[in-house]
């Protein structure tokens, strides 16, 4: 039972590699913002015009 992974071991692994998680989040947000500010907006609308000729 010496080779079991404890919760403390898992926390140490996450702490050791926390900059990878942070880097992934920062890069993802940066790419998303670049896309959002550079994408051409596409607007679409539908309408129906009813003309009453009783006047």
Protein backbone atom coordinates (compact mmCIF):
# COMPACT_ATOMS: atom_id res chain seq x y z
CA UNK A 1 0.00 0.00 0.00
CA UNK A 2 3.04 2.29 -0.13
CA UNK A 3 2.48 3.18 -3.78
CA UNK A 4 -1.02 4.60 -3.35
CA UNK A 5 -1.58 8.15 -4.44
CA UNK A 6 -2.89 10.32 -1.61
CA UNK A 7 -4.83 13.54 -1.83
CA UNK A 8 -1.72 15.43 -0.69
CA UNK A 9 0.25 13.91 -3.57
CA UNK A 10 -2.40 15.04 -6.03
CA UNK A 11 -2.34 18.57 -4.60
CA UNK A 12 1.45 18.66 -4.90
CA UNK A 13 1.20 17.63 -8.56
CA UNK A 14 -1.34 20.39 -9.26
CA UNK A 15 0.77 22.95 -7.40
CA UNK A 16 3.88 21.92 -9.31
CA UNK A 17 2.11 22.27 -12.64
CA UNK A 18 -0.25 25.12 -11.80
CA UNK A 19 1.45 27.46 -14.26
CA UNK A 20 0.40 25.11 -17.10
CA UNK A 21 -3.23 25.45 -16.06
CA UNK A 22 -2.92 29.22 -15.79
CA UNK A 23 -1.13 29.44 -19.13
CA UNK A 24 -3.86 27.37 -20.80
CA UNK A 25 -6.59 29.65 -19.45
CA UNK A 26 -4.73 32.84 -20.43
CA UNK A 27 -4.01 31.60 -23.97
CA UNK A 28 -7.61 30.45 -24.44
CA UNK A 29 -9.01 33.79 -23.27
CA UNK A 30 -6.54 35.71 -25.45
CA UNK A 31 -7.42 33.72 -28.57
CA UNK A 32 -11.13 34.16 -27.85
CA UNK A 33 -10.78 37.93 -27.41
CA UNK A 34 -8.72 38.28 -30.59
CA UNK A 35 -11.38 36.37 -32.51
CA UNK A 36 -14.25 38.36 -31.02
CA UNK A 37 -12.71 41.73 -31.81
CA UNK A 38 -11.63 40.77 -35.35
CA UNK A 39 -14.63 38.73 -36.53
CA UNK A 40 -17.02 40.39 -38.93
CA UNK A 41 -20.41 40.64 -37.24
CA UNK A 42 -23.23 38.93 -39.09
CA UNK A 43 -26.62 40.49 -38.57
CA UNK A 44 -29.81 38.91 -39.83
CA UNK A 45 -33.36 40.17 -39.61
CA UNK A 46 -36.73 39.24 -41.09
CA UNK A 47 -39.73 41.48 -41.47
CA UNK A 48 -43.21 41.41 -42.95
CA UNK A 49 -44.77 44.54 -44.38
CA UNK A 50 -48.56 44.68 -44.53
CA UNK A 51 -49.98 47.43 -46.72
CA UNK A 52 -53.60 48.39 -46.20
CA UNK A 53 -55.04 49.91 -49.38
CA UNK A 54 -58.38 51.01 -47.92
CA UNK A 55 -57.42 54.71 -47.65
